[in-house]
Amino acid sequence: MEDPDPGVSWRPHLNRANAATTAGFTAGIVAILVVVSTGAPVPAGWLWTAAGLVIVAAVADLVDGTLARHYHTDGPFGHGLDTISDVVSFGVAPAIIAYSAALYRHPVPGAAAVVVWCIAVQWRLARYLVRGHQKAYTGCPCPLAAVLLAILLATGAGLYAAMAAMVVLSALMVSSVPVPAWRDLIQAGKARGTAVLPLAVPRKGQMS
């Protein structure tokens, strides 16, 4: 029996990485449903639920690439799936959360902030498709921006604080500011801990 065509059949794409991507996409959809179903203004408890779902989507986005590279299942389908998921989870979902939490009070500038945010995420993801996976980020990663915005909203940020955060984070997402990757930060932290450890361990005969 011949292998199914990966351009037609979904079976060749059933793997851990794509499952993680789909889980992140689902978290983003549920976050949207949470704030839409409760109506504006969204109660604080539901805002934290929505923020938690955005964080789940960010963790899934962090995991899916690692899984794809580890199991050698990365490819055009996975990249496309990941991009679509990111548009929803880090573009549309945080924007809807922001509008339902605070921006609805001034519909026109609020809608403008939503559009600016979504365009920034769209352009950033398009740039990622062109550049591919890099050792260091250029500009603020959209999962990080989405998590920061969602947490800010959940803590009760007002209209102007929410709009300012969206504009600043949108600018950072499409900027050329170099941002170290998570792996580099973790390795730097381990290296610093290793360097400090000998100083922290008491020598023989020293008092604790």
N, C-alpha and C. Protein backbone atom coordinates (compact mmCIF):
# COMPACT_ATOMS: atom_id res chain seq x y z
N MET A 1 0.85 -1.20 0.00
CA MET A 1 0.00 0.00 0.00
C MET A 1 0.88 1.24 0.00
N GLU A 2 0.59 2.18 -0.90
CA GLU A 2 1.39 3.38 -1.01
C GLU A 2 1.12 4.32 0.16
N ASP A 3 2.16 5.09 0.50
CA ASP A 3 2.00 6.09 1.55
C ASP A 3 1.03 7.16 1.08
N PRO A 4 0.18 7.65 1.98
CA PRO A 4 -0.77 8.69 1.58
C PRO A 4 -0.06 9.98 1.22
N ASP A 5 -0.64 10.71 0.27
CA ASP A 5 -0.07 11.97 -0.17
C ASP A 5 -0.21 13.00 0.95
N PRO A 6 0.91 13.57 1.46
CA PRO A 6 0.81 14.55 2.55
C PRO A 6 0.12 15.84 2.14
N GLY A 7 -0.02 16.06 0.83
CA GLY A 7 -0.74 17.24 0.37
C GLY A 7 -2.23 17.04 0.31
N VAL A 8 -2.68 15.79 0.50
CA VAL A 8 -4.11 15.47 0.43
C VAL A 8 -4.60 14.86 1.74
N SER A 9 -3.86 13.88 2.24
CA SER A 9 -4.28 13.17 3.44
C SER A 9 -3.75 13.86 4.70
N TRP A 10 -4.51 13.77 5.79
CA TRP A 10 -4.08 14.35 7.05
C TRP A 10 -3.27 13.36 7.88
N ARG A 11 -3.28 12.09 7.49
CA ARG A 11 -2.62 11.06 8.31
C ARG A 11 -1.11 11.26 8.46
N PRO A 12 -0.39 11.69 7.41
CA PRO A 12 1.06 11.89 7.61
C PRO A 12 1.41 13.00 8.60
N HIS A 13 0.43 13.82 8.93
CA HIS A 13 0.69 14.96 9.80
C HIS A 13 0.28 14.71 11.25
N LEU A 14 -0.10 13.49 11.56
CA LEU A 14 -0.46 13.17 12.94
C LEU A 14 0.82 12.91 13.73
N ASN A 15 1.28 13.91 14.45
CA ASN A 15 2.48 13.77 15.25
C ASN A 15 2.37 14.65 16.48
N ARG A 16 3.34 14.54 17.36
CA ARG A 16 3.30 15.25 18.64
C ARG A 16 3.35 16.77 18.46
N ALA A 17 4.19 17.21 17.53
CA ALA A 17 4.33 18.66 17.33
C ALA A 17 3.02 19.29 16.87
N ASN A 18 2.37 18.69 15.89
CA ASN A 18 1.13 19.23 15.38
C ASN A 18 0.01 19.11 16.41
N ALA A 19 0.08 18.09 17.27
CA ALA A 19 -0.90 17.97 18.35
C ALA A 19 -0.74 19.12 19.33
N ALA A 20 0.51 19.48 19.65
CA ALA A 20 0.76 20.61 20.54
C ALA A 20 0.28 21.92 19.91
N THR A 21 0.53 22.08 18.60
CA THR A 21 0.07 23.28 17.90
C THR A 21 -1.45 23.38 17.95
N THR A 22 -2.12 22.27 17.72
CA THR A 22 -3.59 22.25 17.74
C THR A 22 -4.12 22.54 19.14
N ALA A 23 -3.41 22.07 20.15
CA ALA A 23 -3.82 22.36 21.53
C ALA A 23 -3.72 23.85 21.81
N GLY A 24 -2.65 24.49 21.33
CA GLY A 24 -2.52 25.94 21.50
C GLY A 24 -3.61 26.70 20.76
N PHE A 25 -3.92 26.26 19.56
CA PHE A 25 -5.00 26.87 18.77
C PHE A 25 -6.32 26.76 19.51
N THR A 26 -6.59 25.59 20.08
CA THR A 26 -7.83 25.37 20.83
C THR A 26 -7.90 26.28 22.05
N ALA A 27 -6.78 26.44 22.74
CA ALA A 27 -6.74 27.34 23.90
C ALA A 27 -7.09 28.76 23.49
N GLY A 28 -6.58 29.20 22.35
CA GLY A 28 -6.90 30.54 21.87
C GLY A 28 -8.37 30.70 21.55
N ILE A 29 -8.96 29.70 20.90
CA ILE A 29 -10.39 29.75 20.58
C ILE A 29 -11.23 29.81 21.85
N VAL A 30 -10.88 28.98 22.83
CA VAL A 30 -11.64 28.96 24.09
C VAL A 30 -11.50 30.29 24.82
N ALA A 31 -10.31 30.90 24.77
CA ALA A 31 -10.12 32.21 25.40
C ALA A 31 -11.06 33.24 24.79
N ILE A 32 -11.22 33.20 23.47
CA ILE A 32 -12.16 34.11 22.80
C ILE A 32 -13.59 33.84 23.26
N LEU A 33 -13.97 32.57 23.30
CA LEU A 33 -15.33 32.20 23.72
C LEU A 33 -15.61 32.64 25.15
N VAL A 34 -14.60 32.55 26.02
CA VAL A 34 -14.78 32.93 27.42
C VAL A 34 -15.20 34.38 27.54
N VAL A 35 -14.45 35.28 26.87
CA VAL A 35 -14.75 36.71 27.03
C VAL A 35 -15.99 37.12 26.24
N VAL A 36 -16.24 36.48 25.11
CA VAL A 36 -17.42 36.83 24.31
C VAL A 36 -18.69 36.38 25.02
N SER A 37 -18.65 35.21 25.63
CA SER A 37 -19.85 34.68 26.28
C SER A 37 -20.20 35.42 27.56
N THR A 38 -19.20 35.98 28.25
CA THR A 38 -19.48 36.71 29.49
C THR A 38 -19.92 38.14 29.22
N GLY A 39 -19.54 38.69 28.07
CA GLY A 39 -19.92 40.06 27.72
C GLY A 39 -19.04 41.09 28.39
N ALA A 40 -19.12 42.32 27.88
CA ALA A 40 -18.30 43.41 28.41
C ALA A 40 -19.09 44.18 29.48
N PRO A 41 -18.42 44.56 30.58
CA PRO A 41 -17.02 44.23 30.92
C PRO A 41 -16.89 42.81 31.44
N VAL A 42 -15.78 42.19 31.12
CA VAL A 42 -15.55 40.80 31.52
C VAL A 42 -15.19 40.76 33.00
N PRO A 43 -15.85 39.92 33.81
CA PRO A 43 -15.50 39.80 35.23
C PRO A 43 -14.04 39.39 35.40
N ALA A 44 -13.44 39.82 36.51
CA ALA A 44 -12.02 39.60 36.75
C ALA A 44 -11.66 38.11 36.70
N GLY A 45 -12.50 37.28 37.28
CA GLY A 45 -12.22 35.85 37.30
C GLY A 45 -12.13 35.26 35.91
N TRP A 46 -13.02 35.69 35.03
CA TRP A 46 -12.99 35.18 33.66
C TRP A 46 -11.84 35.77 32.87
N LEU A 47 -11.42 36.99 33.23
CA LEU A 47 -10.24 37.56 32.57
C LEU A 47 -9.00 36.74 32.90
N TRP A 48 -8.88 36.31 34.15
CA TRP A 48 -7.75 35.46 34.51
C TRP A 48 -7.83 34.11 33.81
N THR A 49 -9.04 33.60 33.63
CA THR A 49 -9.20 32.34 32.89
C THR A 49 -8.72 32.51 31.44
N ALA A 50 -9.13 33.63 30.82
CA ALA A 50 -8.71 33.89 29.45
C ALA A 50 -7.19 34.08 29.37
N ALA A 51 -6.63 34.80 30.35
CA ALA A 51 -5.18 35.00 30.37
C ALA A 51 -4.46 33.67 30.54
N GLY A 52 -5.01 32.80 31.39
CA GLY A 52 -4.41 31.48 31.57
C GLY A 52 -4.42 30.67 30.29
N LEU A 53 -5.47 30.80 29.51
CA LEU A 53 -5.55 30.08 28.24
C LEU A 53 -4.54 30.62 27.24
N VAL A 54 -4.31 31.92 27.25
CA VAL A 54 -3.28 32.50 26.37
C VAL A 54 -1.90 31.98 26.79
N ILE A 55 -1.68 31.85 28.09
CA ILE A 55 -0.40 31.29 28.57
C ILE A 55 -0.26 29.84 28.12
N VAL A 56 -1.35 29.07 28.19
CA VAL A 56 -1.32 27.68 27.72
C VAL A 56 -0.94 27.64 26.24
N ALA A 57 -1.52 28.54 25.46
CA ALA A 57 -1.20 28.60 24.02
C ALA A 57 0.27 28.94 23.81
N ALA A 58 0.81 29.84 24.64
CA ALA A 58 2.23 30.21 24.52
C ALA A 58 3.14 29.04 24.85
N VAL A 59 2.78 28.28 25.88
CA VAL A 59 3.57 27.10 26.24
C VAL A 59 3.52 26.08 25.11
N ALA A 60 2.33 25.88 24.53
CA ALA A 60 2.19 24.95 23.41
C ALA A 60 3.03 25.39 22.23
N ASP A 61 3.08 26.71 21.99
CA ASP A 61 3.89 27.23 20.89
C ASP A 61 5.38 27.02 21.15
N LEU A 62 5.76 27.08 22.41
CA LEU A 62 7.16 26.85 22.76
C LEU A 62 7.53 25.37 22.61
N VAL A 63 6.56 24.51 22.89
CA VAL A 63 6.82 23.07 22.88
C VAL A 63 6.78 22.49 21.47
N ASP A 64 5.86 22.99 20.62
CA ASP A 64 5.67 22.32 19.33
C ASP A 64 6.91 22.38 18.44
N GLY A 65 7.61 23.52 18.46
CA GLY A 65 8.84 23.60 17.67
C GLY A 65 9.92 22.67 18.17
N THR A 66 10.03 22.57 19.49
CA THR A 66 11.01 21.66 20.07
C THR A 66 10.70 20.21 19.70
N LEU A 67 9.43 19.85 19.76
CA LEU A 67 9.02 18.49 19.40
C LEU A 67 9.27 18.22 17.92
N ALA A 68 8.98 19.20 17.08
CA ALA A 68 9.17 19.01 15.64
C ALA A 68 10.63 18.78 15.30
N ARG A 69 11.52 19.55 15.93
CA ARG A 69 12.94 19.37 15.66
C ARG A 69 13.49 18.09 16.27
N HIS A 70 12.98 17.73 17.43
CA HIS A 70 13.49 16.53 18.10
C HIS A 70 13.08 15.26 17.35
N TYR A 71 11.85 15.22 16.87
CA TYR A 71 11.36 14.03 16.18
C TYR A 71 11.46 14.15 14.66
N HIS A 72 12.08 15.22 14.17
CA HIS A 72 12.30 15.43 12.73
C HIS A 72 10.98 15.40 11.96
N THR A 73 9.97 16.08 12.49
CA THR A 73 8.66 16.13 11.84
C THR A 73 8.32 17.54 11.37
N ASP A 74 9.33 18.44 11.39
CA ASP A 74 9.04 19.80 10.93
C ASP A 74 8.94 19.81 9.41
N GLY A 75 8.10 20.67 8.90
CA GLY A 75 7.89 20.76 7.46
C GLY A 75 6.90 21.86 7.15
N PRO A 76 6.56 22.04 5.86
CA PRO A 76 5.65 23.12 5.45
C PRO A 76 4.29 23.05 6.13
N PHE A 77 3.76 21.84 6.29
CA PHE A 77 2.44 21.71 6.92
C PHE A 77 2.48 22.21 8.36
N GLY A 78 3.50 21.78 9.10
CA GLY A 78 3.63 22.20 10.49
C GLY A 78 3.84 23.69 10.63
N HIS A 79 4.65 24.28 9.72
CA HIS A 79 4.87 25.72 9.76
C HIS A 79 3.57 26.48 9.48
N GLY A 80 2.81 25.99 8.50
CA GLY A 80 1.53 26.64 8.20
C GLY A 80 0.55 26.52 9.34
N LEU A 81 0.48 25.33 9.93
CA LEU A 81 -0.42 25.09 11.05
C LEU A 81 -0.05 26.00 12.23
N ASP A 82 1.25 26.12 12.49
CA ASP A 82 1.72 26.95 13.59
C ASP A 82 1.39 28.43 13.36
N THR A 83 1.56 28.89 12.13
CA THR A 83 1.27 30.29 11.81
C THR A 83 -0.20 30.61 12.00
N ILE A 84 -1.06 29.73 11.51
CA ILE A 84 -2.51 29.95 11.67
C ILE A 84 -2.89 29.96 13.14
N SER A 85 -2.33 29.03 13.89
CA SER A 85 -2.59 28.97 15.32
C SER A 85 -2.14 30.24 16.03
N ASP A 86 -0.96 30.75 15.66
CA ASP A 86 -0.44 31.96 16.30
C ASP A 86 -1.28 33.18 15.98
N VAL A 87 -1.79 33.27 14.76
CA VAL A 87 -2.65 34.40 14.39
C VAL A 87 -3.88 34.44 15.31
N VAL A 88 -4.43 33.28 15.59
CA VAL A 88 -5.63 33.21 16.44
C VAL A 88 -5.27 33.42 17.91
N SER A 89 -4.31 32.66 18.41
CA SER A 89 -4.01 32.64 19.85
C SER A 89 -3.31 33.90 20.34
N PHE A 90 -2.47 34.53 19.48
CA PHE A 90 -1.69 35.68 19.92
C PHE A 90 -2.07 36.96 19.19
N GLY A 91 -2.92 36.83 18.18
CA GLY A 91 -3.41 38.00 17.48
C GLY A 91 -4.85 38.30 17.83
N VAL A 92 -5.75 37.46 17.38
CA VAL A 92 -7.18 37.70 17.57
C VAL A 92 -7.59 37.57 19.03
N ALA A 93 -7.15 36.51 19.70
CA ALA A 93 -7.60 36.27 21.08
C ALA A 93 -7.24 37.41 22.03
N PRO A 94 -5.96 37.84 22.12
CA PRO A 94 -5.64 38.96 23.02
C PRO A 94 -6.38 40.25 22.63
N ALA A 95 -6.56 40.47 21.34
CA ALA A 95 -7.26 41.68 20.89
C ALA A 95 -8.72 41.67 21.35
N ILE A 96 -9.39 40.52 21.22
CA ILE A 96 -10.79 40.40 21.67
C ILE A 96 -10.88 40.53 23.18
N ILE A 97 -9.91 39.94 23.88
CA ILE A 97 -9.88 40.06 25.35
C ILE A 97 -9.74 41.52 25.73
N ALA A 98 -8.82 42.25 25.08
CA ALA A 98 -8.60 43.66 25.39
C ALA A 98 -9.85 44.49 25.11
N TYR A 99 -10.50 44.22 23.99
CA TYR A 99 -11.69 45.00 23.65
C TYR A 99 -12.82 44.73 24.64
N SER A 100 -13.02 43.47 25.00
CA SER A 100 -14.10 43.10 25.91
C SER A 100 -13.82 43.55 27.34
N ALA A 101 -12.53 43.69 27.69
CA ALA A 101 -12.18 44.07 29.06
C ALA A 101 -12.18 45.58 29.26
N ALA A 102 -11.71 46.34 28.28
CA ALA A 102 -11.54 47.79 28.49
C ALA A 102 -11.83 48.64 27.27
N LEU A 103 -11.40 48.20 26.09
CA LEU A 103 -11.44 49.07 24.92
C LEU A 103 -12.85 49.37 24.44
N TYR A 104 -13.83 48.57 24.83
CA TYR A 104 -15.22 48.78 24.38
C TYR A 104 -15.75 50.13 24.86
N ARG A 105 -15.13 50.72 25.88
CA ARG A 105 -15.61 51.99 26.42
C ARG A 105 -15.45 53.12 25.40
N HIS A 106 -14.48 53.01 24.52
CA HIS A 106 -14.29 53.96 23.42
C HIS A 106 -14.17 53.14 22.13
N PRO A 107 -15.30 52.82 21.51
CA PRO A 107 -15.32 51.85 20.40
C PRO A 107 -14.38 52.17 19.24
N VAL A 108 -14.29 53.44 18.83
CA VAL A 108 -13.50 53.76 17.63
C VAL A 108 -12.00 53.62 17.89
N PRO A 109 -11.43 54.31 18.89
CA PRO A 109 -10.00 54.10 19.16
C PRO A 109 -9.72 52.69 19.65
N GLY A 110 -10.69 52.10 20.35
CA GLY A 110 -10.51 50.72 20.79
C GLY A 110 -10.41 49.77 19.61
N ALA A 111 -11.28 49.94 18.63
CA ALA A 111 -11.23 49.11 17.43
C ALA A 111 -9.93 49.34 16.66
N ALA A 112 -9.47 50.60 16.64
CA ALA A 112 -8.21 50.90 15.96
C ALA A 112 -7.04 50.18 16.63
N ALA A 113 -7.03 50.14 17.96
CA ALA A 113 -5.97 49.43 18.67
C ALA A 113 -6.01 47.94 18.38
N VAL A 114 -7.21 47.39 18.28
CA VAL A 114 -7.37 45.97 17.94
C VAL A 114 -6.79 45.69 16.56
N VAL A 115 -7.10 46.56 15.59
CA VAL A 115 -6.62 46.36 14.22
C VAL A 115 -5.09 46.48 14.17
N VAL A 116 -4.55 47.48 14.87
CA VAL A 116 -3.09 47.66 14.89
C VAL A 116 -2.42 46.41 15.47
N TRP A 117 -2.96 45.89 16.56
CA TRP A 117 -2.39 44.70 17.20
C TRP A 117 -2.40 43.51 16.23
N CYS A 118 -3.54 43.28 15.61
CA CYS A 118 -3.67 42.11 14.73
C CYS A 118 -2.76 42.24 13.51
N ILE A 119 -2.62 43.44 12.97
CA ILE A 119 -1.73 43.65 11.83
C ILE A 119 -0.29 43.40 12.25
N ALA A 120 0.09 43.87 13.44
CA ALA A 120 1.46 43.67 13.91
C ALA A 120 1.77 42.18 14.04
N VAL A 121 0.83 41.42 14.60
CA VAL A 121 1.04 39.97 14.72
C VAL A 121 1.12 39.33 13.34
N GLN A 122 0.25 39.75 12.42
CA GLN A 122 0.24 39.20 11.06
C GLN A 122 1.58 39.45 10.37
N TRP A 123 2.08 40.68 10.45
CA TRP A 123 3.33 41.02 9.78
C TRP A 123 4.51 40.32 10.44
N ARG A 124 4.47 40.21 11.75
CA ARG A 124 5.57 39.52 12.42
C ARG A 124 5.63 38.05 12.00
N LEU A 125 4.48 37.40 11.93
CA LEU A 125 4.46 35.99 11.55
C LEU A 125 4.87 35.81 10.09
N ALA A 126 4.49 36.75 9.25
CA ALA A 126 4.93 36.68 7.85
C ALA A 126 6.45 36.81 7.76
N ARG A 127 7.02 37.69 8.57
CA ARG A 127 8.48 37.83 8.59
C ARG A 127 9.14 36.55 9.08
N TYR A 128 8.51 35.88 10.05
CA TYR A 128 9.05 34.63 10.56
C TYR A 128 9.05 33.56 9.46
N LEU A 129 8.00 33.52 8.66
CA LEU A 129 7.93 32.53 7.57
C LEU A 129 9.06 32.76 6.57
N VAL A 130 9.42 34.03 6.35
CA VAL A 130 10.48 34.34 5.40
C VAL A 130 11.85 34.01 5.99
N ARG A 131 12.07 34.37 7.25
CA ARG A 131 13.37 34.19 7.88
C ARG A 131 13.59 32.77 8.38
N GLY A 132 12.52 32.09 8.78
CA GLY A 132 12.66 30.76 9.35
C GLY A 132 13.11 30.83 10.80
N HIS A 133 13.39 29.66 11.38
CA HIS A 133 13.81 29.59 12.78
C HIS A 133 15.19 30.22 12.96
N GLN A 134 15.29 31.13 13.94
CA GLN A 134 16.53 31.83 14.20
C GLN A 134 16.99 31.55 15.62
N LYS A 135 18.31 31.66 15.85
CA LYS A 135 18.85 31.46 17.19
C LYS A 135 18.46 32.60 18.13
N ALA A 136 18.25 33.79 17.59
CA ALA A 136 17.82 34.94 18.38
C ALA A 136 16.64 35.60 17.67
N TYR A 137 15.73 36.15 18.45
CA TYR A 137 14.55 36.79 17.88
C TYR A 137 14.89 38.20 17.41
N THR A 138 14.13 38.67 16.42
CA THR A 138 14.17 40.06 16.00
C THR A 138 12.83 40.66 16.36
N GLY A 139 12.84 41.56 17.33
CA GLY A 139 11.58 42.10 17.84
C GLY A 139 10.98 41.19 18.90
N CYS A 140 9.97 41.69 19.56
CA CYS A 140 9.32 40.93 20.64
C CYS A 140 8.50 39.78 20.06
N PRO A 141 8.71 38.54 20.49
CA PRO A 141 7.90 37.42 20.00
C PRO A 141 6.43 37.65 20.33
N CYS A 142 5.54 37.32 19.40
CA CYS A 142 4.12 37.57 19.64
C CYS A 142 3.54 36.74 20.79
N PRO A 143 4.01 35.51 21.09
CA PRO A 143 3.49 34.84 22.29
C PRO A 143 3.80 35.60 23.57
N LEU A 144 5.02 36.15 23.66
CA LEU A 144 5.39 36.92 24.84
C LEU A 144 4.54 38.18 24.95
N ALA A 145 4.36 38.88 23.83
CA ALA A 145 3.54 40.10 23.84
C ALA A 145 2.11 39.78 24.24
N ALA A 146 1.57 38.67 23.73
CA ALA A 146 0.19 38.30 24.05
C ALA A 146 0.04 37.96 25.53
N VAL A 147 0.99 37.24 26.08
CA VAL A 147 0.94 36.88 27.51
C VAL A 147 1.02 38.14 28.37
N LEU A 148 1.93 39.06 28.04
CA LEU A 148 2.06 40.29 28.81
C LEU A 148 0.78 41.11 28.77
N LEU A 149 0.17 41.22 27.60
CA LEU A 149 -1.08 41.97 27.47
C LEU A 149 -2.21 41.30 28.24
N ALA A 150 -2.33 39.98 28.13
CA ALA A 150 -3.41 39.26 28.80
C ALA A 150 -3.29 39.39 30.32
N ILE A 151 -2.07 39.29 30.84
CA ILE A 151 -1.87 39.43 32.28
C ILE A 151 -2.17 40.86 32.74
N LEU A 152 -1.74 41.84 31.94
CA LEU A 152 -2.01 43.23 32.26
C LEU A 152 -3.52 43.48 32.35
N LEU A 153 -4.26 42.95 31.42
CA LEU A 153 -5.72 43.11 31.41
C LEU A 153 -6.35 42.40 32.60
N ALA A 154 -5.85 41.22 32.94
CA ALA A 154 -6.41 40.46 34.05
C ALA A 154 -6.18 41.14 35.39
N THR A 155 -5.11 41.93 35.48
CA THR A 155 -4.83 42.64 36.73
C THR A 155 -5.68 43.90 36.88
N GLY A 156 -6.51 44.19 35.88
CA GLY A 156 -7.44 45.32 35.99
C GLY A 156 -6.97 46.60 35.34
N ALA A 157 -6.11 46.49 34.34
CA ALA A 157 -5.63 47.69 33.64
C ALA A 157 -6.79 48.45 33.02
N GLY A 158 -6.73 49.77 33.09
CA GLY A 158 -7.78 50.60 32.53
C GLY A 158 -7.68 50.76 31.04
N LEU A 159 -8.56 51.59 30.50
CA LEU A 159 -8.64 51.78 29.06
C LEU A 159 -7.33 52.31 28.48
N TYR A 160 -6.81 53.38 29.04
CA TYR A 160 -5.64 54.02 28.46
C TYR A 160 -4.38 53.17 28.65
N ALA A 161 -4.29 52.49 29.77
CA ALA A 161 -3.14 51.60 29.98
C ALA A 161 -3.17 50.46 28.99
N ALA A 162 -4.36 49.90 28.73
CA ALA A 162 -4.49 48.80 27.78
C ALA A 162 -4.13 49.25 26.37
N MET A 163 -4.63 50.43 25.98
CA MET A 163 -4.33 50.93 24.63
C MET A 163 -2.84 51.23 24.47
N ALA A 164 -2.24 51.85 25.50
CA ALA A 164 -0.82 52.15 25.43
C ALA A 164 0.01 50.87 25.32
N ALA A 165 -0.37 49.85 26.11
CA ALA A 165 0.36 48.58 26.07
C ALA A 165 0.25 47.93 24.70
N MET A 166 -0.94 48.00 24.10
CA MET A 166 -1.12 47.39 22.78
C MET A 166 -0.29 48.09 21.72
N VAL A 167 -0.23 49.42 21.79
CA VAL A 167 0.54 50.17 20.79
C VAL A 167 2.04 49.89 20.95
N VAL A 168 2.52 49.93 22.20
CA VAL A 168 3.95 49.71 22.44
C VAL A 168 4.35 48.29 22.06
N LEU A 169 3.57 47.30 22.49
CA LEU A 169 3.90 45.91 22.17
C LEU A 169 3.79 45.63 20.67
N SER A 170 2.83 46.28 20.01
CA SER A 170 2.71 46.11 18.56
C SER A 170 3.96 46.64 17.86
N ALA A 171 4.43 47.80 18.32
CA ALA A 171 5.65 48.37 17.73
C ALA A 171 6.85 47.47 17.98
N LEU A 172 6.93 46.90 19.18
CA LEU A 172 8.05 46.03 19.50
C LEU A 172 8.02 44.74 18.67
N MET A 173 6.82 44.23 18.40
CA MET A 173 6.72 42.99 17.63
C MET A 173 7.27 43.14 16.22
N VAL A 174 7.06 44.31 15.61
CA VAL A 174 7.52 44.50 14.23
C VAL A 174 8.85 45.24 14.16
N SER A 175 9.46 45.48 15.32
CA SER A 175 10.73 46.20 15.36
C SER A 175 11.89 45.28 15.00
N SER A 176 13.07 45.86 14.93
CA SER A 176 14.29 45.10 14.66
C SER A 176 15.15 44.94 15.90
N VAL A 177 14.56 45.14 17.07
CA VAL A 177 15.30 45.03 18.33
C VAL A 177 15.66 43.56 18.56
N PRO A 178 16.94 43.23 18.76
CA PRO A 178 17.31 41.83 19.01
C PRO A 178 16.86 41.38 20.39
N VAL A 179 16.25 40.21 20.44
CA VAL A 179 15.77 39.62 21.69
C VAL A 179 16.33 38.20 21.80
N PRO A 180 17.02 37.85 22.88
CA PRO A 180 17.58 36.50 23.00
C PRO A 180 16.48 35.44 23.07
N ALA A 181 16.77 34.28 22.51
CA ALA A 181 15.83 33.17 22.56
C ALA A 181 15.78 32.59 23.96
N TRP A 182 14.68 31.85 24.24
CA TRP A 182 14.51 31.24 25.56
C TRP A 182 15.68 30.33 25.89
N ARG A 183 16.13 29.56 24.91
CA ARG A 183 17.22 28.60 25.15
C ARG A 183 18.50 29.33 25.58
N ASP A 184 18.76 30.49 24.95
CA ASP A 184 19.95 31.26 25.31
C ASP A 184 19.84 31.81 26.73
N LEU A 185 18.64 32.26 27.11
CA LEU A 185 18.43 32.78 28.46
C LEU A 185 18.62 31.68 29.51
N ILE A 186 18.10 30.49 29.21
CA ILE A 186 18.23 29.37 30.15
C ILE A 186 19.69 28.96 30.29
N GLN A 187 20.40 28.87 29.17
CA GLN A 187 21.82 28.51 29.22
C GLN A 187 22.63 29.56 29.95
N ALA A 188 22.29 30.85 29.75
CA ALA A 188 23.00 31.92 30.45
C ALA A 188 22.74 31.83 31.95
N GLY A 189 21.48 31.50 32.31
CA GLY A 189 21.17 31.35 33.73
C GLY A 189 21.90 30.20 34.36
N LYS A 190 22.01 29.08 33.64
CA LYS A 190 22.75 27.92 34.16
C LYS A 190 24.23 28.25 34.31
N ALA A 191 24.78 28.95 33.31
CA ALA A 191 26.20 29.31 33.36
C ALA A 191 26.48 30.24 34.53
N ARG A 192 25.56 31.18 34.77
CA ARG A 192 25.74 32.10 35.89
C ARG A 192 25.63 31.36 37.22
N GLY A 193 24.67 30.40 37.29
CA GLY A 193 24.53 29.62 38.52
C GLY A 193 25.76 28.77 38.78
N THR A 194 26.35 28.22 37.72
CA THR A 194 27.55 27.41 37.88
C THR A 194 28.72 28.26 38.36
N ALA A 195 28.79 29.51 37.86
CA ALA A 195 29.88 30.39 38.26
C ALA A 195 29.74 30.86 39.70
N VAL A 196 28.49 31.03 40.16
CA VAL A 196 28.25 31.53 41.50
C VAL A 196 28.33 30.42 42.54
N LEU A 197 28.02 29.18 42.11
CA LEU A 197 27.94 28.05 43.04
C LEU A 197 29.19 27.86 43.88
N PRO A 198 30.41 27.88 43.31
CA PRO A 198 31.60 27.69 44.16
C PRO A 198 31.75 28.75 45.23
N LEU A 199 31.24 29.97 44.95
CA LEU A 199 31.33 31.03 45.93
C LEU A 199 30.31 30.85 47.04
N ALA A 200 29.21 30.16 46.71
CA ALA A 200 28.14 30.01 47.69
C ALA A 200 28.34 28.82 48.61
N VAL A 201 29.18 27.88 48.21
CA VAL A 201 29.41 26.70 49.03
C VAL A 201 30.45 27.01 50.10
N PRO A 202 30.13 26.85 51.40
CA PRO A 202 31.09 27.17 52.45
C PRO A 202 32.29 26.26 52.38
N ARG A 203 33.46 26.84 52.61
CA ARG A 203 34.66 26.03 52.66
C ARG A 203 34.70 25.24 53.96
N LYS A 204 35.49 24.20 53.95
CA LYS A 204 35.59 23.35 55.12
C LYS A 204 36.10 24.16 56.31
N GLY A 205 35.38 24.08 57.39
CA GLY A 205 35.77 24.81 58.60
C GLY A 205 35.06 26.13 58.75
N GLN A 206 34.33 26.60 57.66
CA GLN A 206 33.60 27.84 57.77
C GLN A 206 32.30 27.61 58.50
N MET A 207 31.81 28.65 59.16
CA MET A 207 30.53 28.56 59.87
C MET A 207 29.40 28.82 58.90
N SER A 208 28.28 28.16 59.10
CA SER A 208 27.13 28.34 58.22
C SER A 208 26.37 29.59 58.61
